[in-house]
Structure formats: C-alpha cells, structure tokens
C-alpha atoms as a PDB file:
ATOM      1  CA  MET A   1     -28.856 131.927 149.072  1.00  0.00           C
ATOM      2  CA  TYR A   2     -30.457 135.272 149.812  1.00  0.00           C
ATOM      3  CA  PHE A   3     -29.450 138.252 151.900  1.00  0.00           C
ATOM      4  CA  THR A   4     -31.033 141.177 153.700  1.00  0.00           C
ATOM      5  CA  ARG A   5     -29.899 144.172 155.689  1.00  0.00           C
ATOM      6  CA  VAL A   6     -30.653 144.636 159.371  1.00  0.00           C
ATOM      7  CA  GLY A   7     -29.436 148.059 160.417  1.00  0.00           C
ATOM      8  CA  ASN A   8     -25.873 148.280 159.178  1.00  0.00           C
ATOM      9  CA  MET A   9     -25.398 144.488 159.010  1.00  0.00           C
ATOM     10  CA  VAL A  10     -25.852 142.250 155.989  1.00  0.00           C
ATOM     11  CA  VAL A  11     -27.475 138.946 156.970  1.00  0.00           C
ATOM     12  CA  ILE A  12     -27.037 135.938 154.695  1.00  0.00           C
ATOM     13  CA  LEU A  13     -30.111 133.691 154.611  1.00  0.00           C
ATOM     14  CA  LEU A  14     -28.975 130.149 153.907  1.00  0.00           C
ATOM     15  CA  CYS A  15     -32.092 128.897 152.228  1.00  0.00           C
ATOM     16  CA  GLY A  16     -32.904 128.072 148.663  1.00  0.00           C
ATOM     17  CA  GLY A  17     -33.223 125.366 146.124  1.00  0.00           C
ATOM     18  CA  ASP A  18     -33.277 125.088 142.373  1.00  0.00           C
ATOM     19  CA  LYS A  19     -35.259 126.879 139.676  1.00  0.00           C
ATOM     20  CA  SER A  20     -38.283 124.638 140.175  1.00  0.00           C
ATOM     21  CA  THR A  21     -38.719 125.843 143.779  1.00  0.00           C
ATOM     22  CA  GLN A  22     -37.525 129.433 143.325  1.00  0.00           C
ATOM     23  CA  ASP A  23     -40.897 131.122 143.979  1.00  0.00           C
ATOM     24  CA  GLU A  24     -41.408 129.221 147.240  1.00  0.00           C
ATOM     25  CA  ASP A  25     -37.766 129.802 148.221  1.00  0.00           C
ATOM     26  CA  ILE A  26     -38.216 133.562 147.791  1.00  0.00           C
ATOM     27  CA  ARG A  27     -41.364 133.484 149.950  1.00  0.00           C
ATOM     28  CA  SER A  28     -39.465 131.543 152.627  1.00  0.00           C
ATOM     29  CA  ALA A  29     -36.533 133.966 152.529  1.00  0.00           C
ATOM     30  CA  LYS A  30     -38.889 136.944 152.852  1.00  0.00           C
ATOM     31  CA  ALA A  31     -40.599 135.307 155.841  1.00  0.00           C
ATOM     32  CA  LEU A  32     -37.241 134.676 157.529  1.00  0.00           C
ATOM     33  CA  ALA A  33     -36.126 138.245 156.831  1.00  0.00           C
ATOM     34  CA  SER A  34     -39.312 139.663 158.331  1.00  0.00           C
ATOM     35  CA  GLU A  35     -38.703 137.665 161.530  1.00  0.00           C
ATOM     36  CA  LEU A  36     -35.287 139.321 161.864  1.00  0.00           C
ATOM     37  CA  GLY A  37     -36.930 142.729 161.972  1.00  0.00           C
ATOM     38  CA  ASP A  38     -39.147 141.826 164.950  1.00  0.00           C
END
C-alpha cells in the first residue's frame, strides 16, 4: 500500500505485492499517482 497527497487530501493507493515485486510496485504506484495530478 502506498499513499500520495493531492492538494490537502491524502490518497491511499491500493497496489503492491511482496518484496520480490517491490521495485515494479513502486513504479506502478508512481504512475497511478501521476495520473491523479492530471
């Protein structure tokens, strides 16, 4: 689970996995977070 801020809101990104997929999970969370800013 990851989170980001959009304005004054905290948005919880329900994505993730285990340690073996952590790098890809972080990339996915960053991509989702960038879509929120559009």
